[in-house]
N, C-alpha and C. Protein backbone atom coordinates (compact mmCIF):
# COMPACT_ATOMS: atom_id res chain seq x y z
N MET A 1 0.73 -1.22 0.12
CA MET A 1 0.21 0.14 0.10
C MET A 1 0.91 1.17 -0.16
N HIS A 2 2.01 0.97 0.48
CA HIS A 2 2.77 2.45 0.60
C HIS A 2 3.16 2.70 -0.55
N GLU A 3 3.69 1.77 -1.85
CA GLU A 3 3.96 2.05 -2.99
C GLU A 3 2.99 2.64 -3.83
N ILE A 4 1.74 2.51 -3.38
CA ILE A 4 0.55 2.99 -4.19
C ILE A 4 0.18 4.27 -3.85
N ASN A 5 0.21 4.58 -2.37
CA ASN A 5 0.21 5.92 -1.65
C ASN A 5 1.29 7.07 -2.33
N LYS A 6 2.57 6.27 -2.41
CA LYS A 6 3.67 7.18 -3.06
C LYS A 6 3.26 7.64 -4.53
N ALA A 7 2.79 6.56 -5.43
CA ALA A 7 2.40 6.76 -6.72
C ALA A 7 1.20 7.88 -6.79
N ILE A 8 0.30 7.62 -6.02
CA ILE A 8 -0.84 8.50 -5.81
C ILE A 8 -0.57 10.00 -5.59
N ARG A 9 0.41 10.13 -4.82
CA ARG A 9 1.08 11.26 -4.13
C ARG A 9 1.66 12.00 -5.33
N HIS A 10 2.68 11.45 -6.19
CA HIS A 10 3.38 11.75 -7.33
C HIS A 10 2.19 12.43 -8.40
N MET A 11 1.30 11.54 -8.46
CA MET A 11 0.37 11.90 -9.73
C MET A 11 -0.47 13.24 -9.29
N LYS A 12 -0.89 13.17 -7.85
CA LYS A 12 -1.64 14.51 -7.54
C LYS A 12 -0.64 15.58 -7.54
N GLU A 13 0.53 15.35 -7.29
CA GLU A 13 1.43 16.66 -7.40
C GLU A 13 1.52 16.94 -8.92
N ALA A 14 1.69 16.15 -9.98
CA ALA A 14 1.68 16.65 -11.45
C ALA A 14 0.42 17.16 -11.95
N PHE A 15 -0.77 16.87 -11.11
CA PHE A 15 -1.99 17.52 -12.14
C PHE A 15 -2.55 18.26 -11.05
N ASP A 16 -2.09 18.75 -10.01
CA ASP A 16 -2.49 19.76 -8.91
C ASP A 16 -3.08 21.12 -9.63
N PRO A 17 -4.26 21.40 -9.98
CA PRO A 17 -4.77 22.71 -10.49
C PRO A 17 -3.90 23.92 -10.13
N SER A 18 -3.59 23.70 -8.74
CA SER A 18 -3.38 24.94 -7.90
C SER A 18 -1.58 25.36 -8.35
N GLN A 19 -1.14 24.20 -8.89
CA GLN A 19 0.35 24.57 -9.30
C GLN A 19 0.70 24.96 -10.70
N LEU A 20 -0.59 25.11 -11.67
CA LEU A 20 -0.49 25.65 -12.87
C LEU A 20 -0.43 27.40 -12.66
N PRO A 21 0.29 27.68 -14.10
CA PRO A 21 0.60 29.21 -13.83
C PRO A 21 -0.94 29.95 -14.17
N VAL A 22 -0.77 31.09 -13.45
CA VAL A 22 -2.35 31.91 -13.71
C VAL A 22 -2.81 31.75 -15.10
N ASP A 23 -1.96 32.00 -16.07
CA ASP A 23 -2.64 32.38 -17.30
C ASP A 23 -2.57 31.10 -18.34
N CYS A 24 -2.70 30.02 -17.49
CA CYS A 24 -2.88 28.76 -18.44
C CYS A 24 -4.31 28.69 -18.96
N PRO A 25 -4.22 27.93 -20.26
CA PRO A 25 -5.71 27.82 -20.78
C PRO A 25 -6.54 27.13 -20.16
N ALA A 26 -8.00 27.39 -20.17
CA ALA A 26 -9.23 26.92 -18.99
C ALA A 26 -9.27 25.69 -19.40
N THR A 27 -9.10 25.25 -20.81
CA THR A 27 -9.17 23.73 -20.89
C THR A 27 -8.13 22.88 -20.36
N LEU A 28 -6.98 23.55 -20.27
CA LEU A 28 -5.85 22.79 -19.34
C LEU A 28 -6.12 22.87 -18.02
N LEU A 29 -6.76 23.86 -17.34
CA LEU A 29 -6.99 23.96 -16.03
C LEU A 29 -8.24 23.05 -15.72
N GLU A 30 -9.21 22.79 -16.52
CA GLU A 30 -10.39 21.82 -16.35
C GLU A 30 -10.20 20.43 -16.58
N LYS A 31 -9.10 19.89 -17.46
CA LYS A 31 -8.48 18.64 -17.55
C LYS A 31 -7.90 18.23 -16.33
N CYS A 32 -6.83 19.28 -15.81
CA CYS A 32 -6.13 19.17 -14.67
C CYS A 32 -7.15 18.73 -13.36
N ARG A 33 -8.10 19.62 -13.11
CA ARG A 33 -9.02 19.30 -12.07
C ARG A 33 -9.70 18.22 -12.15
N SER A 34 -10.16 17.53 -13.53
CA SER A 34 -10.88 16.36 -13.77
C SER A 34 -9.87 15.25 -13.47
N VAL A 35 -8.65 15.35 -13.80
CA VAL A 35 -7.78 13.98 -13.45
C VAL A 35 -7.39 14.27 -11.92
N PHE A 36 -7.16 15.34 -11.02
CA PHE A 36 -6.95 15.45 -9.94
C PHE A 36 -7.91 14.78 -9.23
N ASN A 37 -9.21 15.12 -9.68
CA ASN A 37 -10.51 14.67 -8.94
C ASN A 37 -10.60 13.17 -8.83
N GLN A 38 -10.33 12.39 -9.93
CA GLN A 38 -10.20 11.05 -10.16
C GLN A 38 -8.97 10.46 -9.33
N ILE A 39 -8.12 11.06 -9.25
CA ILE A 39 -6.89 10.48 -8.48
C ILE A 39 -7.23 10.44 -6.78
N GLU A 40 -8.05 11.65 -6.49
CA GLU A 40 -8.64 11.87 -5.16
C GLU A 40 -9.56 10.51 -4.97
N ARG A 41 -10.30 10.23 -5.88
CA ARG A 41 -11.40 9.21 -5.61
C ARG A 41 -10.80 7.94 -5.61
N ILE A 42 -9.72 7.71 -6.49
CA ILE A 42 -8.89 6.38 -6.47
C ILE A 42 -8.35 6.28 -5.15
N LYS A 43 -7.57 7.31 -4.54
CA LYS A 43 -7.05 7.25 -3.39
C LYS A 43 -8.09 6.89 -2.23
N ASP A 44 -9.44 7.58 -2.11
CA ASP A 44 -10.13 7.36 -1.24
C ASP A 44 -10.74 5.75 -1.12
N THR A 45 -10.98 5.22 -2.59
CA THR A 45 -11.38 3.71 -2.71
C THR A 45 -10.18 2.82 -2.35
N LEU A 46 -8.84 3.01 -2.64
CA LEU A 46 -7.80 1.97 -2.15
C LEU A 46 -7.47 2.23 -0.63
N SER A 47 -7.93 3.44 -0.25
CA SER A 47 -7.53 3.41 1.49
C SER A 47 -8.65 2.93 2.34
N ASN A 48 -9.90 2.68 1.84
CA ASN A 48 -11.04 2.15 2.63
C ASN A 48 -11.12 0.54 2.39
N ASP A 49 -10.82 -0.32 3.27
CA ASP A 49 -10.85 -1.63 3.24
C ASP A 49 -12.19 -1.98 2.20
N ARG A 50 -13.43 -1.68 2.90
CA ARG A 50 -14.71 -2.16 2.13
C ARG A 50 -14.68 -1.82 0.88
N GLU A 51 -14.42 -0.39 0.49
CA GLU A 51 -14.40 0.09 -0.78
C GLU A 51 -13.38 -0.68 -1.85
N ARG A 52 -12.09 -0.91 -1.21
CA ARG A 52 -11.13 -1.66 -2.08
C ARG A 52 -11.65 -3.15 -2.45
N LYS A 53 -12.26 -3.70 -1.49
CA LYS A 53 -12.44 -5.06 -1.85
C LYS A 53 -13.66 -5.15 -2.88
N LYS A 54 -14.66 -4.15 -2.64
CA LYS A 54 -15.88 -3.91 -3.83
C LYS A 54 -14.92 -3.78 -4.97
N TYR A 55 -14.02 -2.90 -5.26
CA TYR A 55 -13.48 -2.46 -6.48
C TYR A 55 -12.97 -3.82 -7.15
N MET A 56 -12.41 -4.51 -5.94
CA MET A 56 -11.43 -5.35 -6.83
C MET A 56 -12.25 -6.82 -7.25
N ASP A 57 -13.75 -6.80 -6.22
CA ASP A 57 -14.46 -7.94 -6.84
C ASP A 57 -14.83 -7.52 -8.06
N SER A 58 -15.31 -6.26 -8.29
CA SER A 58 -15.93 -5.81 -9.59
C SER A 58 -15.14 -5.75 -10.72
N LEU A 59 -13.75 -5.68 -10.53
CA LEU A 59 -12.59 -6.09 -11.57
C LEU A 59 -12.51 -7.50 -11.89
N GLN A 60 -12.46 -8.49 -10.93
CA GLN A 60 -12.53 -9.77 -11.06
C GLN A 60 -13.56 -10.33 -11.98
N GLY A 61 -14.92 -9.62 -11.70
CA GLY A 61 -16.21 -10.13 -12.18
C GLY A 61 -16.07 -9.49 -13.88
N ASN A 62 -15.45 -8.50 -14.00
CA ASN A 62 -15.54 -7.75 -15.46
C ASN A 62 -14.46 -8.78 -16.09
N ARG A 63 -13.41 -9.12 -15.39
CA ARG A 63 -12.40 -10.22 -16.14
C ARG A 63 -12.94 -11.61 -16.49
N ARG A 64 -13.77 -11.99 -15.42
CA ARG A 64 -14.39 -13.28 -15.80
C ARG A 64 -15.38 -13.17 -17.03
N ARG A 65 -16.08 -12.11 -16.95
CA ARG A 65 -17.07 -11.80 -18.04
C ARG A 65 -16.32 -11.71 -19.35
N GLU A 66 -15.24 -10.88 -19.37
CA GLU A 66 -14.38 -10.60 -20.54
C GLU A 66 -13.87 -12.10 -21.10
N LYS A 67 -13.56 -12.90 -20.26
CA LYS A 67 -12.79 -14.20 -20.61
C LYS A 67 -13.95 -15.01 -21.09
N LEU A 68 -15.32 -15.06 -20.43
CA LEU A 68 -16.34 -15.82 -20.97
C LEU A 68 -16.79 -15.30 -22.40
N GLU A 69 -16.53 -14.06 -22.73
CA GLU A 69 -17.02 -13.56 -24.13
C GLU A 69 -16.03 -13.83 -24.95
N ALA A 70 -14.82 -13.80 -24.78
CA ALA A 70 -13.38 -14.24 -25.46
C ALA A 70 -13.44 -15.72 -25.76
N GLU A 71 -14.06 -16.45 -25.14
CA GLU A 71 -13.86 -18.20 -25.20
C GLU A 71 -14.21 -18.43 -26.85
N PRO A 72 -15.31 -18.21 -27.42
CA PRO A 72 -15.37 -18.54 -28.44
C PRO A 72 -14.59 -17.94 -29.73
N GLN A 73 -13.89 -16.88 -29.52
CA GLN A 73 -12.86 -16.29 -30.45
C GLN A 73 -11.79 -17.36 -30.15
N PHE A 74 -11.42 -17.64 -28.73
CA PHE A 74 -10.16 -18.78 -28.75
C PHE A 74 -10.37 -19.91 -29.20
N LEU A 75 -11.48 -20.53 -29.26
CA LEU A 75 -11.76 -21.84 -29.83
C LEU A 75 -11.94 -21.98 -31.36
N THR A 76 -12.37 -20.98 -31.73
CA THR A 76 -12.38 -20.59 -33.11
C THR A 76 -10.92 -20.77 -33.88
N ALA A 77 -10.11 -19.70 -32.90
CA ALA A 77 -8.65 -19.65 -33.43
C ALA A 77 -7.55 -20.88 -33.41
N VAL A 78 -8.25 -21.89 -32.41
CA VAL A 78 -7.50 -23.13 -32.51
C VAL A 78 -8.05 -23.92 -33.40
N ARG A 79 -9.29 -23.92 -33.63
CA ARG A 79 -9.98 -24.72 -34.65
C ARG A 79 -9.08 -24.13 -36.31
N ASP A 80 -8.85 -22.94 -36.35
CA ASP A 80 -8.32 -22.35 -37.54
C ASP A 80 -7.11 -22.96 -37.54
N LEU A 81 -6.34 -22.93 -36.75
CA LEU A 81 -4.92 -23.45 -36.42
C LEU A 81 -4.73 -24.84 -37.15
N LEU A 82 -5.65 -25.78 -36.51
CA LEU A 82 -5.63 -27.17 -36.71
C LEU A 82 -5.97 -27.56 -38.07
N ASN A 83 -6.80 -26.47 -38.66
CA ASN A 83 -7.31 -26.65 -39.87
C ASN A 83 -6.25 -25.95 -41.14
N GLY A 84 -4.97 -25.50 -40.57
CA GLY A 84 -4.10 -24.80 -41.42
C GLY A 84 -4.34 -23.50 -42.01
N ASN A 85 -5.41 -22.94 -41.49
CA ASN A 85 -5.83 -21.37 -41.53
C ASN A 85 -4.88 -20.73 -40.66
N HIS A 86 -3.60 -20.53 -40.68
CA HIS A 86 -2.84 -19.70 -39.83
C HIS A 86 -3.00 -18.42 -39.68
N HIS A 87 -3.21 -17.84 -40.83
CA HIS A 87 -3.36 -16.30 -40.99
C HIS A 87 -4.58 -15.79 -40.18
N GLU A 88 -5.76 -16.57 -40.40
CA GLU A 88 -6.79 -16.38 -39.50
C GLU A 88 -6.61 -16.68 -37.91
N ALA A 89 -6.17 -17.62 -37.67
CA ALA A 89 -5.94 -18.16 -36.40
C ALA A 89 -4.68 -17.03 -35.71
N VAL A 90 -3.91 -16.40 -36.34
CA VAL A 90 -2.87 -15.72 -35.50
C VAL A 90 -3.46 -14.43 -35.39
N THR A 91 -4.38 -13.99 -36.23
CA THR A 91 -5.07 -12.54 -36.01
C THR A 91 -5.79 -12.40 -34.94
N LYS A 92 -6.62 -13.83 -34.80
CA LYS A 92 -7.55 -13.81 -33.61
C LYS A 92 -6.64 -14.12 -32.20
N LEU A 93 -5.75 -15.10 -32.18
CA LEU A 93 -4.75 -15.22 -31.25
C LEU A 93 -4.06 -13.98 -30.87
N GLN A 94 -3.71 -13.17 -31.67
CA GLN A 94 -3.11 -11.66 -31.40
C GLN A 94 -3.97 -10.83 -30.63
N SER A 95 -5.18 -10.89 -31.03
CA SER A 95 -6.37 -10.14 -30.26
C SER A 95 -6.46 -10.60 -28.80
N LEU A 96 -6.28 -11.76 -28.54
CA LEU A 96 -6.25 -12.51 -27.43
C LEU A 96 -5.32 -12.20 -26.57
N VAL A 97 -3.97 -12.28 -27.12
CA VAL A 97 -2.90 -12.17 -26.44
C VAL A 97 -2.57 -10.82 -25.78
N ASP A 98 -3.06 -9.63 -26.93
CA ASP A 98 -3.10 -8.24 -26.65
C ASP A 98 -3.96 -7.84 -25.44
N ARG A 99 -5.03 -8.59 -25.32
CA ARG A 99 -6.01 -8.24 -24.07
C ARG A 99 -5.65 -8.90 -22.93
N ARG A 100 -4.36 -9.57 -22.84
CA ARG A 100 -4.07 -10.59 -21.86
C ARG A 100 -4.78 -11.48 -21.42
N MET A 101 -5.54 -12.12 -22.33
CA MET A 101 -6.72 -13.18 -21.91
C MET A 101 -5.84 -14.42 -21.16
N ASP A 102 -6.35 -15.09 -20.18
CA ASP A 102 -5.96 -16.25 -19.53
C ASP A 102 -6.66 -17.58 -19.91
N PHE A 103 -6.22 -17.86 -21.17
CA PHE A 103 -6.55 -19.34 -21.59
C PHE A 103 -5.45 -20.21 -21.59
N ARG A 104 -5.59 -21.39 -21.20
CA ARG A 104 -4.38 -22.34 -21.27
C ARG A 104 -4.04 -22.64 -22.57
N ASP A 105 -2.51 -22.70 -22.66
CA ASP A 105 -2.08 -22.77 -23.98
C ASP A 105 -2.17 -21.65 -24.95
N LEU A 106 -2.68 -20.44 -24.67
CA LEU A 106 -2.83 -19.52 -25.59
C LEU A 106 -1.43 -19.01 -25.95
N GLN A 107 -0.57 -18.74 -25.53
CA GLN A 107 0.88 -18.26 -25.90
C GLN A 107 1.41 -19.37 -26.95
N SER A 108 1.49 -20.55 -26.46
CA SER A 108 1.79 -21.68 -27.21
C SER A 108 1.08 -21.70 -28.69
N TYR A 109 -0.06 -21.50 -28.50
CA TYR A 109 -0.71 -21.70 -29.59
C TYR A 109 -0.44 -20.28 -30.88
N TYR A 110 -0.46 -19.29 -29.92
CA TYR A 110 0.14 -18.09 -30.71
C TYR A 110 1.35 -17.95 -31.39
N LEU A 111 2.46 -18.50 -30.47
CA LEU A 111 3.78 -18.93 -31.03
C LEU A 111 3.73 -20.09 -32.42
N TRP A 112 2.82 -20.67 -32.21
CA TRP A 112 2.59 -22.11 -33.31
C TRP A 112 2.23 -21.16 -34.68
N ALA A 113 1.38 -20.22 -34.53
CA ALA A 113 0.37 -19.77 -35.66
C ALA A 113 1.40 -18.54 -36.22
N SER A 114 1.99 -17.95 -35.27
CA SER A 114 2.75 -16.75 -35.74
C SER A 114 4.13 -17.32 -36.34
N ILE A 115 4.66 -18.42 -36.19
CA ILE A 115 5.95 -18.97 -36.73
C ILE A 115 5.42 -19.58 -38.03
N LYS A 116 4.40 -20.22 -38.22
CA LYS A 116 3.80 -20.65 -39.47
C LYS A 116 3.70 -19.65 -40.35
N CYS A 117 3.09 -18.37 -39.95
CA CYS A 117 3.03 -17.07 -40.83
C CYS A 117 4.25 -16.58 -41.20
N ASN A 118 5.44 -17.14 -40.70
CA ASN A 118 6.49 -16.24 -40.64
C ASN A 118 6.47 -14.88 -40.14
N ARG A 119 5.71 -14.53 -38.98
CA ARG A 119 5.40 -13.40 -38.38
C ARG A 119 5.97 -13.18 -37.30
N ASN A 120 6.63 -11.84 -36.76
CA ASN A 120 7.33 -11.97 -35.43
C ASN A 120 5.90 -11.96 -34.47
N HIS A 121 6.49 -12.80 -33.38
CA HIS A 121 5.37 -13.05 -32.30
C HIS A 121 5.49 -11.98 -31.35
N GLY A 122 5.87 -11.11 -31.31
CA GLY A 122 6.03 -9.68 -30.46
C GLY A 122 6.85 -9.82 -29.26
N ASN A 123 6.12 -9.97 -28.07
CA ASN A 123 6.92 -10.08 -26.77
C ASN A 123 6.94 -11.50 -26.40
N ILE A 124 6.31 -12.22 -26.89
CA ILE A 124 6.08 -13.65 -26.04
C ILE A 124 7.19 -14.40 -26.84
N ARG A 125 7.87 -15.22 -25.83
CA ARG A 125 9.27 -15.91 -26.01
C ARG A 125 8.88 -17.35 -25.50
N PHE A 126 9.51 -18.57 -26.28
CA PHE A 126 9.24 -19.55 -25.35
C PHE A 126 9.42 -19.74 -23.97
N ASP A 127 10.50 -19.01 -23.48
CA ASP A 127 10.47 -19.18 -21.87
C ASP A 127 9.46 -18.38 -20.95
N GLU A 128 8.69 -17.74 -21.89
CA GLU A 128 7.93 -16.86 -21.21
C GLU A 128 6.15 -17.89 -20.83
N VAL A 129 6.51 -18.86 -21.67
CA VAL A 129 5.27 -19.66 -21.45
C VAL A 129 5.17 -20.05 -20.22
N PRO A 130 4.14 -20.16 -19.52
CA PRO A 130 4.21 -20.85 -18.01
C PRO A 130 4.64 -22.18 -17.77
N PRO A 131 5.44 -22.53 -16.96
CA PRO A 131 6.14 -23.80 -16.94
C PRO A 131 5.01 -24.82 -16.87
N GLU A 132 3.87 -24.74 -16.21
CA GLU A 132 2.99 -25.76 -16.50
C GLU A 132 2.32 -26.11 -17.68
N GLU A 133 2.70 -24.92 -18.68
CA GLU A 133 2.02 -25.27 -20.19
C GLU A 133 3.11 -25.76 -21.15
N ARG A 134 4.43 -26.23 -20.32
CA ARG A 134 5.48 -26.61 -21.57
C ARG A 134 5.28 -28.03 -21.90
N ASN A 135 4.42 -28.96 -21.14
CA ASN A 135 4.13 -29.98 -21.60
C ASN A 135 3.12 -30.64 -22.20
N SER A 136 2.40 -29.48 -23.11
CA SER A 136 1.28 -29.53 -23.47
C SER A 136 1.82 -29.79 -25.07
N PRO A 137 0.83 -30.55 -26.06
CA PRO A 137 0.90 -30.60 -27.24
C PRO A 137 1.00 -29.31 -27.87
N ALA A 138 0.36 -28.49 -27.63
CA ALA A 138 0.22 -27.11 -28.33
C ALA A 138 1.60 -26.41 -28.14
N TYR A 139 2.37 -26.47 -27.35
CA TYR A 139 3.67 -26.19 -26.82
C TYR A 139 4.86 -26.80 -27.70
N MET A 140 4.58 -28.31 -27.72
CA MET A 140 5.46 -29.20 -28.35
C MET A 140 5.21 -28.87 -29.91
N MET A 141 4.23 -28.62 -30.13
CA MET A 141 4.07 -28.33 -31.85
C MET A 141 4.75 -26.85 -31.99
N ALA A 142 4.47 -25.95 -31.17
CA ALA A 142 5.18 -24.80 -31.57
C ALA A 142 6.50 -24.73 -31.61
N LYS A 143 7.20 -25.54 -30.66
CA LYS A 143 8.55 -25.75 -30.35
C LYS A 143 9.31 -26.37 -31.80
N GLY A 144 8.33 -27.62 -32.12
CA GLY A 144 8.40 -28.18 -33.47
C GLY A 144 8.64 -27.48 -34.60
N ILE A 145 7.79 -26.40 -34.57
CA ILE A 145 7.74 -25.73 -35.81
C ILE A 145 8.76 -24.58 -35.94
N TYR A 146 9.17 -24.42 -34.72
CA TYR A 146 10.27 -23.40 -34.50
C TYR A 146 11.54 -23.96 -35.04
N TYR A 147 11.82 -25.06 -34.36
CA TYR A 147 13.01 -25.74 -34.71
C TYR A 147 13.30 -26.23 -36.29
N ARG A 148 12.03 -26.73 -36.75
CA ARG A 148 12.21 -26.92 -38.26
C ARG A 148 12.40 -25.74 -38.99
N ALA A 149 11.86 -24.30 -38.53
CA ALA A 149 11.89 -23.24 -39.43
C ALA A 149 13.44 -22.82 -39.30
N VAL A 150 14.21 -23.10 -37.87
CA VAL A 150 15.50 -22.81 -37.88
C VAL A 150 16.52 -24.04 -38.24
N GLY A 151 16.11 -25.04 -38.73
CA GLY A 151 16.94 -25.93 -39.19
C GLY A 151 17.44 -27.03 -38.31
N ARG A 152 16.59 -27.14 -37.18
CA ARG A 152 17.27 -28.03 -36.05
C ARG A 152 16.34 -29.18 -36.42
N PHE A 153 16.53 -30.03 -37.40
CA PHE A 153 15.45 -31.26 -37.59
C PHE A 153 15.30 -32.09 -36.76
N ALA A 154 16.44 -32.61 -35.78
CA ALA A 154 16.40 -33.57 -34.77
C ALA A 154 15.53 -33.20 -33.99
N LYS A 155 15.74 -31.96 -33.37
CA LYS A 155 15.03 -31.42 -32.16
C LYS A 155 13.41 -31.24 -32.72
N ALA A 156 13.02 -30.90 -34.02
CA ALA A 156 11.87 -30.67 -34.51
C ALA A 156 11.35 -32.12 -34.31
N ILE A 157 11.71 -33.30 -35.09
CA ILE A 157 11.14 -34.60 -34.76
C ILE A 157 10.82 -34.93 -33.70
N GLU A 158 11.51 -34.88 -32.52
CA GLU A 158 11.57 -35.03 -31.09
C GLU A 158 10.31 -34.28 -30.74
N CYS A 159 10.11 -32.96 -31.19
CA CYS A 159 8.99 -32.25 -30.67
C CYS A 159 7.52 -32.73 -31.21
N PHE A 160 7.60 -32.94 -32.35
CA PHE A 160 6.45 -33.66 -33.09
C PHE A 160 6.09 -34.68 -32.66
N ARG A 161 6.94 -35.93 -32.17
CA ARG A 161 6.69 -37.00 -31.43
C ARG A 161 6.14 -36.90 -30.22
N SER A 162 6.54 -35.87 -29.50
CA SER A 162 6.17 -35.77 -28.19
C SER A 162 4.64 -34.95 -28.53
N ALA A 163 4.35 -34.06 -29.14
CA ALA A 163 3.12 -33.40 -29.25
C ALA A 163 2.02 -34.66 -29.79
N HIS A 164 2.46 -35.69 -30.56
CA HIS A 164 1.54 -36.66 -31.03
C HIS A 164 1.58 -37.70 -29.78
N LYS A 165 2.43 -38.13 -29.12
CA LYS A 165 2.31 -38.83 -27.89
C LYS A 165 1.28 -38.34 -27.03
N LEU A 166 1.61 -36.97 -26.62
CA LEU A 166 0.64 -36.44 -25.82
C LEU A 166 -0.85 -36.38 -25.93
N ASN A 167 -0.79 -36.12 -27.35
CA ASN A 167 -2.44 -36.09 -27.78
C ASN A 167 -2.26 -36.88 -29.18
N PRO A 168 -2.72 -38.48 -29.03
CA PRO A 168 -2.67 -39.20 -30.55
C PRO A 168 -3.64 -38.45 -31.43
N HIS A 169 -4.60 -37.86 -30.90
CA HIS A 169 -5.76 -37.20 -31.69
C HIS A 169 -5.12 -36.09 -32.44
N LEU A 170 -4.02 -35.62 -32.13
CA LEU A 170 -3.47 -34.33 -32.91
C LEU A 170 -2.95 -34.88 -34.31
N LYS A 171 -3.59 -34.73 -35.26
CA LYS A 171 -3.39 -35.30 -36.83
C LYS A 171 -2.08 -34.24 -37.27
N MET A 172 -2.41 -33.07 -36.76
CA MET A 172 -1.60 -32.00 -37.20
C MET A 172 0.06 -32.40 -36.71
N ALA A 173 0.32 -32.99 -35.83
CA ALA A 173 1.59 -33.19 -35.36
C ALA A 173 2.01 -34.54 -36.21
N ASN A 174 1.29 -35.38 -36.57
CA ASN A 174 1.68 -36.50 -37.24
C ASN A 174 2.13 -35.98 -38.81
N ARG A 175 1.17 -35.29 -39.23
CA ARG A 175 1.48 -34.61 -40.55
C ARG A 175 2.71 -33.57 -40.64
N GLU A 176 3.00 -33.02 -39.73
CA GLU A 176 4.15 -32.02 -39.65
C GLU A 176 5.38 -33.34 -39.64
N PHE A 177 5.34 -34.18 -38.63
CA PHE A 177 6.37 -35.29 -38.69
C PHE A 177 6.57 -35.82 -39.99
N GLN A 178 5.60 -36.40 -40.61
CA GLN A 178 5.73 -36.98 -41.99
C GLN A 178 6.04 -35.98 -43.03
N SER A 179 5.68 -34.75 -42.88
CA SER A 179 6.11 -33.94 -43.90
C SER A 179 7.68 -33.40 -43.83
N LEU A 180 7.99 -33.32 -42.46
CA LEU A 180 9.60 -33.14 -42.46
C LEU A 180 10.40 -34.25 -42.94
N LEU A 181 9.93 -35.64 -42.34
CA LEU A 181 10.70 -36.62 -42.98
C LEU A 181 10.80 -36.83 -44.53
N LYS A 182 9.56 -36.49 -45.05
CA LYS A 182 9.91 -36.57 -46.73
C LYS A 182 10.72 -35.36 -47.22
N GLU A 183 10.66 -34.27 -46.41
CA GLU A 183 11.62 -33.14 -46.99
C GLU A 183 12.94 -33.54 -46.85
N LEU A 184 13.15 -34.08 -45.52
CA LEU A 184 14.60 -34.82 -45.48
C LEU A 184 15.17 -35.85 -46.38
N ASP A 185 14.16 -36.61 -46.63
CA ASP A 185 14.38 -37.76 -47.55
C ASP A 185 14.80 -37.11 -48.77
N GLN A 186 13.88 -36.15 -49.29
CA GLN A 186 14.11 -35.63 -50.81
C GLN A 186 15.55 -34.74 -50.86
N ASN A 187 15.89 -33.98 -49.77
CA ASN A 187 17.14 -33.46 -49.62
C ASN A 187 18.27 -34.34 -49.57
N ARG A 188 18.30 -35.45 -49.24
CA ARG A 188 19.05 -36.47 -48.91
C ARG A 188 19.49 -37.11 -50.34
N ALA A 189 18.30 -37.46 -50.97
CA ALA A 189 18.30 -38.05 -52.36
C ALA A 189 18.77 -37.17 -53.37
N GLY A 190 18.56 -35.70 -53.25
CA GLY A 190 19.17 -34.66 -54.02
C GLY A 190 20.54 -34.63 -54.10
N ARG A 191 21.08 -34.66 -52.86
CA ARG A 191 22.67 -34.61 -52.44
C ARG A 191 23.39 -35.85 -53.41
N PHE A 192 22.51 -37.03 -53.34
CA PHE A 192 23.42 -37.95 -54.10
C PHE A 192 23.34 -37.95 -55.33
N ARG A 193 22.36 -37.45 -55.93
CA ARG A 193 22.11 -37.24 -57.37
C ARG A 193 23.32 -36.41 -58.09
N ARG A 194 23.66 -35.50 -57.30
CA ARG A 194 24.91 -34.65 -57.84
C ARG A 194 25.80 -35.15 -58.15
């Protein structure tokens, strides 16, 4: 609470209308008054235990409602990804990532889709995927696709096999695995012909 009070104090100092020059524009004065009053209300809410709890409960309720409303978008994005519609999937997943939605494997699916689209996956890295989600088929697929893209084929094969073992119904893992083996065989055969 000490850090919050400190931050509020600094914000109040920055927007205190009494600190403005006498000849400042009326619109600026009104904006500062408005922000200053909002800061006061925030301080009052956060310093009162009952009001703070009520505020936190409303935030959590809003977040649950937002997640419930976003669930169809997540499920559609995953279906798009599994059906090979990577561009549609990455757009939907990007929106969910930007809103910091909390769906299991969201980051893994997003990495998978963005690598398939040769697209920068922003601030998400593999080491930022929560540890409890790193043993999922989606994570293994994302890693396999990444390893394939960077030419680490043995690691890619290992990841695709792991994804398939974790979920034998994930046909995409087997297709990626078979496609990679076929590509490697063709490359090997092409070298011998030269």
